[in-house]
Amino acid sequence: MAVKTTAVAQKVDVAKQFKYAEEQTSYMLDALKTADTSNGLVSPRTFEDGKLKLVNSKDWTSGFFPGILWYLYDYTHDEKWLKQAQLFTAKITNEQYNKTTHDLGFMIYCSFGNGYRLTKDERYKKVIIQAARSLSTRFNEKAGVIRSWDHNKDKWKYPVIIDNMMNLELLFKATELTGDSSFYKIAVSHADQTMINHFRPDYSSYHVVDYDPETGKVIQKNTAQGYSAESAWARGQAWGLYGYTMCYRETGDKKYLVQAQNIAKFIFNNPTLPKDLIPYWDYNDPAIPNAPRDVSAAAIMASALYELSTYSTGNDYKEKADVILANLSNHYKAPLNTNGEFILLHSTGHKPAKSEIDVPLTYADYYYLEALLRSRKFANAE
């Protein structure tokens, strides 16, 4: 895919980008009115092979579209978006009791978490707390981490993926809402053990670390979605950057700030990172530059960098976030009423499985809108 590249920070017109997002999401809502929602399908995930693909509430991506609607309401204060956000959020209410997934942070916090932040609806607060209770049941004290997957038991004993860092925010919030420190302690333990076991000396991360649940010892380090066990899967690096930035916000512990800074250093010193700062799907794919980009990783990075820029002086994190956001807005955005009505083009979901390659993904759109909101929020921050 031919993309114009630039390393020069540009001012992004946030109002213009949200106006576009409103129009495109309105088209999406129209498309959903006639979409097949049998089998409990509730949220759009991608547009692949010419088809809009929806997921049920148990899918790890089910909370992102409600989150997008909440972000549109956050920016516009338009009752239209409030009503749609409430409607789509309600569809995944039952997942608060789901103990079979580590992804409750994505599912519940992106939807109910944003809903509670913007409305202070007590019903949303209860869902957040129950979801944190459900997530806590997946914690193993011996290993000190939350189990990620229950599938492929022939392959993994107790797998933990770097993505799981993103689900800790739900636990931190539950302690804030209840005063129960057990959620906080689980989150800190998981962050600490992940920092010890997931990262290489250059601060790139493995995707999957498999533990022995009986002893807590690491059995193997591997990948599921990256190029190889030792490669740096782009979205995984973005999850780590965002996750440790968030952990520093929630704990004030400087080691998390240093970890986030070191992950940023790995990313931006990487020789395969393109000039426009939109990474290829894996930093070590030998096919680069003839490899797909992952716009979702870029959107996550931009959002994380805006926050990280406020925690220390003398850095260029905000400038880098501005470059990413400008390039996403100018070169990776879909023409209106195309792309299955998703906002961004050129994400990569699971290349080894030949799934969701060079397609729009709902979580790319979610973190893009979050980055837009943060660019405005942190505009004058040092």
Protein backbone atom coordinates (compact mmCIF):
# COMPACT_ATOMS: atom_id res chain seq x y z
CA MET A 1 0.00 0.00 0.00
CA ALA A 2 1.44 3.34 -1.00
CA VAL A 3 1.33 5.84 1.82
CA LYS A 4 2.85 9.31 1.99
CA THR A 5 5.14 9.51 4.99
CA THR A 6 6.26 12.37 7.15
CA ALA A 7 8.15 12.72 10.38
CA VAL A 8 7.09 16.33 10.88
CA ALA A 9 4.54 17.01 13.59
CA GLN A 10 1.37 18.55 12.25
CA LYS A 11 -1.48 20.13 14.10
CA VAL A 12 -4.49 17.82 13.92
CA ASP A 13 -7.85 19.53 13.62
CA VAL A 14 -9.64 17.55 16.34
CA ALA A 15 -13.02 19.11 15.56
CA LYS A 16 -12.72 18.14 11.90
CA GLN A 17 -11.73 14.56 12.74
CA PHE A 18 -14.61 14.14 15.20
CA LYS A 19 -17.05 15.55 12.66
CA TYR A 20 -15.88 12.88 10.22
CA ALA A 21 -16.07 10.21 12.96
CA GLU A 22 -19.64 11.23 13.72
CA GLU A 23 -20.65 10.98 10.07
CA GLN A 24 -18.92 7.64 9.53
CA THR A 25 -20.33 6.17 12.75
CA SER A 26 -23.81 7.34 11.73
CA TYR A 27 -23.39 5.28 8.57
CA MET A 28 -22.28 2.37 10.75
CA LEU A 29 -25.43 2.65 12.87
CA ASP A 30 -27.51 2.59 9.68
CA ALA A 31 -25.65 -0.52 8.50
CA LEU A 32 -26.25 -2.23 11.84
CA LYS A 33 -30.01 -1.74 11.48
CA THR A 34 -30.04 -4.20 8.59
CA ALA A 35 -27.14 -6.41 9.71
CA ASP A 36 -27.73 -10.04 10.70
CA THR A 37 -27.68 -9.98 14.50
CA SER A 38 -28.78 -13.57 14.99
CA ASN A 39 -26.77 -15.73 17.39
CA GLY A 40 -26.45 -12.80 19.76
CA LEU A 41 -24.24 -10.61 17.57
CA VAL A 42 -23.94 -7.19 19.22
CA SER A 43 -20.88 -5.21 18.05
CA PRO A 44 -18.99 -4.60 14.78
CA ARG A 45 -15.41 -5.90 14.77
CA THR A 46 -14.08 -5.62 11.21
CA PHE A 47 -14.87 -5.44 7.51
CA GLU A 48 -13.28 -8.42 5.78
CA ASP A 49 -13.85 -10.07 2.38
CA GLY A 50 -16.42 -7.38 1.58
CA LYS A 51 -18.51 -8.17 4.67
CA LEU A 52 -19.24 -6.36 7.90
CA LYS A 53 -18.36 -8.78 10.68
CA LEU A 54 -20.10 -8.58 14.04
CA VAL A 55 -19.31 -10.39 17.29
CA ASN A 56 -21.29 -11.59 20.27
CA SER A 57 -20.82 -10.09 23.72
CA LYS A 58 -18.26 -12.77 24.74
CA ASP A 59 -15.79 -11.65 22.07
CA TRP A 60 -12.85 -9.66 23.44
CA THR A 61 -13.68 -6.78 21.07
CA SER A 62 -17.34 -6.39 22.06
CA GLY A 63 -16.76 -3.32 24.25
CA PHE A 64 -14.93 -1.16 21.72
CA PHE A 65 -17.90 0.01 19.65
CA PRO A 66 -19.83 1.08 22.76
CA GLY A 67 -16.61 2.83 23.79
CA ILE A 68 -16.45 4.65 20.45
CA LEU A 69 -20.00 5.86 21.03
CA TRP A 70 -19.06 7.07 24.51
CA TYR A 71 -16.09 8.97 23.07
CA LEU A 72 -18.36 10.64 20.51
CA TYR A 73 -20.64 11.68 23.36
CA ASP A 74 -17.63 12.79 25.41
CA TYR A 75 -16.57 15.17 22.64
CA THR A 76 -19.93 16.38 21.38
CA HIS A 77 -22.21 16.15 24.44
CA ASP A 78 -24.88 15.23 21.91
CA GLU A 79 -27.78 13.22 23.37
CA LYS A 80 -27.86 11.13 20.19
CA TRP A 81 -24.51 9.57 21.06
CA LEU A 82 -25.46 9.17 24.71
CA LYS A 83 -28.52 7.11 23.78
CA GLN A 84 -26.60 4.95 21.31
CA ALA A 85 -23.77 4.41 23.81
CA GLN A 86 -26.26 3.33 26.47
CA LEU A 87 -27.99 0.99 24.02
CA PHE A 88 -24.84 -0.80 22.83
CA THR A 89 -23.30 -0.89 26.31
CA ALA A 90 -26.39 -2.63 27.69
CA LYS A 91 -25.92 -5.45 25.19
CA ILE A 92 -22.80 -6.73 26.95
CA THR A 93 -24.03 -6.42 30.55
CA ASN A 94 -23.90 -10.16 31.20
CA GLU A 95 -20.15 -10.29 30.61
CA GLN A 96 -19.61 -8.87 34.11
CA TYR A 97 -20.07 -12.47 35.30
CA ASN A 98 -17.76 -14.02 32.69
CA LYS A 99 -14.90 -15.84 34.44
CA THR A 100 -13.63 -17.55 31.30
CA THR A 101 -11.69 -14.59 29.88
CA HIS A 102 -8.97 -12.12 30.90
CA ASP A 103 -10.41 -9.56 28.48
CA LEU A 104 -13.02 -8.11 30.83
CA GLY A 105 -11.02 -4.89 30.93
CA PHE A 106 -11.42 -4.43 27.20
CA MET A 107 -15.04 -5.58 27.25
CA ILE A 108 -16.32 -3.82 30.37
CA TYR A 109 -13.97 -0.93 31.04
CA CYS A 110 -14.03 0.47 27.50
CA SER A 111 -17.83 0.41 27.60
CA PHE A 112 -19.15 0.61 31.18
CA GLY A 113 -15.98 2.32 32.40
CA ASN A 114 -16.39 5.21 29.98
CA GLY A 115 -20.12 5.22 30.65
CA TYR A 116 -19.57 5.57 34.38
CA ARG A 117 -16.92 8.26 33.88
CA LEU A 118 -19.34 10.35 31.84
CA THR A 119 -22.65 9.70 33.60
CA LYS A 120 -21.83 8.43 37.12
CA ASP A 121 -24.65 5.91 36.62
CA GLU A 122 -24.62 3.65 39.70
CA ARG A 123 -25.68 0.67 37.59
CA TYR A 124 -22.48 1.01 35.58
CA LYS A 125 -20.45 1.19 38.78
CA LYS A 126 -21.90 -2.13 39.95
CA VAL A 127 -21.05 -3.79 36.64
CA ILE A 128 -17.44 -2.57 36.85
CA ILE A 129 -17.06 -3.96 40.36
CA GLN A 130 -18.60 -7.32 39.49
CA ALA A 131 -16.41 -7.59 36.39
CA ALA A 132 -13.33 -6.97 38.55
CA ARG A 133 -14.47 -9.75 40.88
CA SER A 134 -14.86 -12.09 37.92
CA LEU A 135 -11.44 -11.17 36.53
CA SER A 136 -9.84 -11.70 39.94
CA THR A 137 -10.85 -15.36 39.92
CA ARG A 138 -8.28 -15.91 37.16
CA PHE A 139 -5.37 -14.86 39.39
CA ASN A 140 -2.83 -17.49 40.43
CA GLU A 141 -0.91 -16.60 43.59
CA LYS A 142 2.01 -18.93 42.85
CA ALA A 143 2.72 -17.30 39.51
CA GLY A 144 1.44 -13.89 40.59
CA VAL A 145 -0.38 -13.33 37.31
CA ILE A 146 -3.85 -13.48 35.75
CA ARG A 147 -4.38 -16.34 33.30
CA SER A 148 -5.09 -15.14 29.78
CA TRP A 149 -6.46 -18.06 27.77
CA ASP A 150 -8.33 -21.25 28.63
CA HIS A 151 -8.08 -22.69 25.11
CA ASN A 152 -5.21 -24.74 23.60
CA LYS A 153 -4.59 -26.62 26.84
CA ASP A 154 -2.45 -29.06 24.86
CA LYS A 155 -0.15 -26.13 24.01
CA TRP A 156 -0.10 -23.99 27.16
CA LYS A 157 -0.43 -24.77 30.86
CA TYR A 158 -1.06 -21.26 32.16
CA PRO A 159 -0.58 -18.74 29.33
CA VAL A 160 -0.25 -15.03 29.97
CA ILE A 161 -0.14 -12.59 27.06
CA ILE A 162 1.23 -9.03 27.03
CA ASP A 163 -2.26 -7.81 26.06
CA ASN A 164 -3.37 -8.62 29.60
CA MET A 165 -1.66 -5.47 30.87
CA MET A 166 -4.61 -3.55 29.44
CA ASN A 167 -7.10 -5.33 31.67
CA LEU A 168 -5.47 -4.13 34.90
CA GLU A 169 -7.13 -0.70 34.70
CA LEU A 170 -10.45 -2.37 35.55
CA LEU A 171 -8.92 -3.73 38.77
CA PHE A 172 -7.38 -0.40 39.79
CA LYS A 173 -10.77 1.25 39.25
CA ALA A 174 -12.53 -1.39 41.35
CA THR A 175 -10.28 -0.61 44.32
CA GLU A 176 -10.99 3.10 43.86
CA LEU A 177 -14.75 2.43 43.79
CA THR A 178 -14.88 -0.06 46.68
CA GLY A 179 -11.87 0.59 48.90
CA ASP A 180 -11.07 -3.12 48.57
CA SER A 181 -7.30 -3.27 48.03
CA SER A 182 -7.32 -6.89 46.82
CA PHE A 183 -8.00 -5.76 43.23
CA TYR A 184 -5.11 -3.29 43.38
CA LYS A 185 -2.73 -5.92 44.75
CA ILE A 186 -3.59 -8.36 41.97
CA ALA A 187 -3.00 -5.68 39.35
CA VAL A 188 0.39 -4.73 40.84
CA SER A 189 1.47 -8.37 41.12
CA HIS A 190 0.54 -9.02 37.50
CA ALA A 191 2.36 -5.90 36.30
CA ASP A 192 5.47 -6.80 38.31
CA GLN A 193 5.68 -10.42 37.14
CA THR A 194 5.02 -9.38 33.54
CA MET A 195 7.84 -6.85 33.79
CA ILE A 196 10.18 -9.60 35.02
CA ASN A 197 9.17 -12.37 32.63
CA HIS A 198 7.82 -10.83 29.43
CA PHE A 199 10.60 -8.40 28.53
CA ARG A 200 13.95 -8.91 26.85
CA PRO A 201 17.07 -6.83 27.65
CA ASP A 202 16.17 -4.41 24.82
CA TYR A 203 12.67 -3.93 26.35
CA SER A 204 10.85 -5.64 23.53
CA SER A 205 8.31 -8.13 24.83
CA TYR A 206 7.33 -11.69 24.19
CA HIS A 207 3.70 -12.20 23.30
CA VAL A 208 2.99 -15.34 25.37
CA VAL A 209 4.65 -16.52 28.58
CA ASP A 210 3.53 -19.92 29.83
CA TYR A 211 3.68 -20.58 33.58
CA ASP A 212 3.48 -23.71 35.69
CA PRO A 213 0.45 -23.00 37.89
CA GLU A 214 1.73 -25.40 40.57
CA THR A 215 5.16 -23.80 41.02
CA GLY A 216 4.75 -20.40 39.39
CA LYS A 217 7.85 -20.96 37.26
CA VAL A 218 8.06 -19.97 33.59
CA ILE A 219 7.81 -22.97 31.25
CA GLN A 220 8.25 -21.27 27.88
CA LYS A 221 8.16 -17.92 26.08
CA ASN A 222 6.51 -17.84 22.69
CA THR A 223 4.10 -16.04 20.37
CA ALA A 224 0.65 -16.61 18.96
CA GLN A 225 0.13 -13.53 16.82
CA GLY A 226 3.69 -12.40 16.11
CA TYR A 227 6.15 -13.46 13.42
CA SER A 228 8.16 -15.73 15.74
CA ALA A 229 8.79 -16.46 19.41
CA GLU A 230 11.69 -13.98 19.52
CA SER A 231 10.14 -11.29 17.31
CA ALA A 232 8.58 -8.03 18.46
CA TRP A 233 4.89 -8.12 17.52
CA ALA A 234 3.92 -4.48 17.01
CA ARG A 235 0.60 -4.44 18.83
CA GLY A 236 2.19 -6.29 21.76
CA GLN A 237 4.78 -3.54 22.15
CA ALA A 238 1.96 -0.97 22.06
CA TRP A 239 -0.01 -2.83 24.76
CA GLY A 240 3.08 -2.78 26.97
CA LEU A 241 3.69 0.93 26.40
CA TYR A 242 0.09 1.79 27.23
CA GLY A 243 -0.17 -0.69 30.10
CA TYR A 244 2.87 0.51 32.05
CA THR A 245 2.01 4.16 31.46
CA MET A 246 -1.40 3.42 32.99
CA CYS A 247 0.20 1.49 35.89
CA TYR A 248 2.35 4.51 36.71
CA ARG A 249 -0.74 6.73 36.73
CA GLU A 250 -2.57 4.37 39.08
CA THR A 251 0.30 3.60 41.50
CA GLY A 252 2.82 6.43 41.25
CA ASP A 253 5.54 3.75 41.25
CA LYS A 254 8.49 5.10 39.22
CA LYS A 255 9.55 1.64 38.01
CA TYR A 256 6.45 1.56 35.78
CA LEU A 257 7.31 4.98 34.34
CA VAL A 258 10.84 3.80 33.57
CA GLN A 259 9.44 0.64 31.97
CA ALA A 260 7.12 2.64 29.71
CA GLN A 261 9.98 4.96 28.75
CA ASN A 262 12.22 2.00 27.89
CA ILE A 263 9.50 0.40 25.75
CA ALA A 264 9.11 3.73 23.93
CA LYS A 265 12.88 3.79 23.38
CA PHE A 266 12.77 0.30 21.83
CA ILE A 267 9.92 1.28 19.52
CA PHE A 268 11.33 4.58 18.28
CA ASN A 269 14.91 3.38 17.94
CA ASN A 270 13.81 0.39 15.91
CA PRO A 271 15.33 0.52 12.41
CA THR A 272 12.21 -1.01 10.82
CA LEU A 273 9.83 1.67 12.14
CA PRO A 274 8.71 3.69 9.09
CA LYS A 275 9.19 7.44 8.92
CA ASP A 276 5.49 8.04 9.45
CA LEU A 277 5.70 6.05 12.72
CA ILE A 278 2.94 3.65 11.68
CA PRO A 279 4.59 0.28 12.38
CA TYR A 280 4.61 -2.87 10.32
CA TRP A 281 2.63 -5.63 12.03
CA ASP A 282 5.85 -7.13 13.48
CA TYR A 283 9.14 -5.26 13.81
CA ASN A 284 11.05 -8.41 12.78
CA ASP A 285 9.11 -9.56 9.74
CA PRO A 286 11.84 -10.24 7.12
CA ALA A 287 9.40 -9.19 4.38
CA ILE A 288 9.63 -5.52 5.49
CA PRO A 289 9.04 -3.17 3.66
CA ASN A 290 6.67 -5.52 1.80
CA ALA A 291 4.75 -6.37 4.96
CA PRO A 292 1.38 -5.10 6.19
CA ARG A 293 1.17 -2.19 8.60
CA ASP A 294 -0.76 -2.30 11.84
CA VAL A 295 -2.66 0.92 12.29
CA SER A 296 -4.21 -0.41 15.50
CA ALA A 297 -0.74 -0.53 17.08
CA ALA A 298 -0.11 3.06 15.99
CA ALA A 299 -3.38 4.31 17.49
CA ILE A 300 -2.62 2.60 20.83
CA MET A 301 0.89 4.07 20.80
CA ALA A 302 -0.39 7.59 20.13
CA SER A 303 -2.90 7.44 22.96
CA ALA A 304 -0.29 6.11 25.38
CA LEU A 305 2.31 8.69 24.34
CA TYR A 306 0.03 11.64 25.03
CA GLU A 307 -0.37 10.46 28.61
CA LEU A 308 3.29 9.46 29.00
CA SER A 309 4.33 12.95 27.83
CA THR A 310 2.84 14.45 31.00
CA TYR A 311 4.83 12.32 33.46
CA SER A 312 8.34 13.61 32.79
CA THR A 313 10.01 16.66 31.28
CA GLY A 314 12.35 16.96 28.35
CA ASN A 315 10.80 14.22 26.23
CA ASP A 316 9.39 14.25 22.72
CA TYR A 317 6.49 11.85 23.35
CA LYS A 318 3.83 14.42 22.56
CA GLU A 319 5.57 15.35 19.30
CA LYS A 320 5.73 11.70 18.29
CA ALA A 321 2.07 11.25 19.18
CA ASP A 322 1.24 14.30 17.07
CA VAL A 323 3.08 12.78 14.10
CA ILE A 324 1.22 9.48 14.45
CA LEU A 325 -2.14 11.19 14.87
CA ALA A 326 -1.57 13.48 11.89
CA ASN A 327 -0.56 10.59 9.66
CA LEU A 328 -3.49 8.45 10.76
CA SER A 329 -5.83 11.37 10.09
CA ASN A 330 -4.36 12.34 6.73
CA HIS A 331 -3.25 9.06 5.17
CA TYR A 332 -4.93 6.10 6.89
CA LYS A 333 -8.52 7.29 7.23
CA ALA A 334 -11.21 5.73 5.06
CA PRO A 335 -13.23 7.83 2.62
CA LEU A 336 -16.67 8.56 4.05
CA ASN A 337 -19.27 5.80 3.70
CA THR A 338 -16.68 3.14 2.75
CA ASN A 339 -14.54 0.59 4.60
CA GLY A 340 -17.57 -1.03 6.23
CA GLU A 341 -18.11 2.36 7.92
CA PHE A 342 -15.01 1.94 10.10
CA ILE A 343 -12.75 4.98 10.53
CA LEU A 344 -9.21 3.74 9.92
CA LEU A 345 -7.69 1.55 7.22
CA HIS A 346 -4.76 -0.89 7.22
CA SER A 347 -4.79 -2.74 10.55
CA THR A 348 -3.57 -6.30 11.05
CA GLY A 349 -5.33 -8.59 13.49
CA HIS A 350 -3.76 -12.07 13.34
CA LYS A 351 -1.38 -12.51 10.43
CA PRO A 352 -0.08 -16.01 11.33
CA ALA A 353 -3.69 -17.24 11.20
CA LYS A 354 -4.20 -15.35 7.90
CA SER A 355 -6.98 -13.45 9.67
CA GLU A 356 -7.82 -9.74 9.53
CA ILE A 357 -4.86 -8.64 7.39
CA ASP A 358 -5.00 -5.07 6.02
CA VAL A 359 -8.53 -4.45 7.30
CA PRO A 360 -10.26 -1.97 9.60
CA LEU A 361 -10.51 -3.03 13.25
CA THR A 362 -12.84 -1.58 15.85
CA TYR A 363 -10.11 -1.22 18.48
CA ALA A 364 -7.98 0.84 16.07
CA ASP A 365 -10.89 3.29 15.82
CA TYR A 366 -11.40 3.26 19.59
CA TYR A 367 -7.81 4.18 20.45
CA TYR A 368 -7.70 6.70 17.59
CA LEU A 369 -10.63 8.61 19.09
CA GLU A 370 -9.07 8.30 22.53
CA ALA A 371 -5.84 9.74 21.15
CA LEU A 372 -7.76 12.63 19.58
CA LEU A 373 -9.40 13.38 22.93
CA ARG A 374 -6.07 13.13 24.72
CA SER A 375 -4.34 15.38 22.19
CA ARG A 376 -6.77 18.09 23.19
CA LYS A 377 -6.59 17.29 26.92
CA PHE A 378 -2.79 17.26 27.04
CA ALA A 379 -2.29 20.05 24.49
CA ASN A 380 -0.62 22.39 26.95
CA ALA A 381 0.94 19.79 29.25
CA GLU A 382 4.70 19.78 29.73
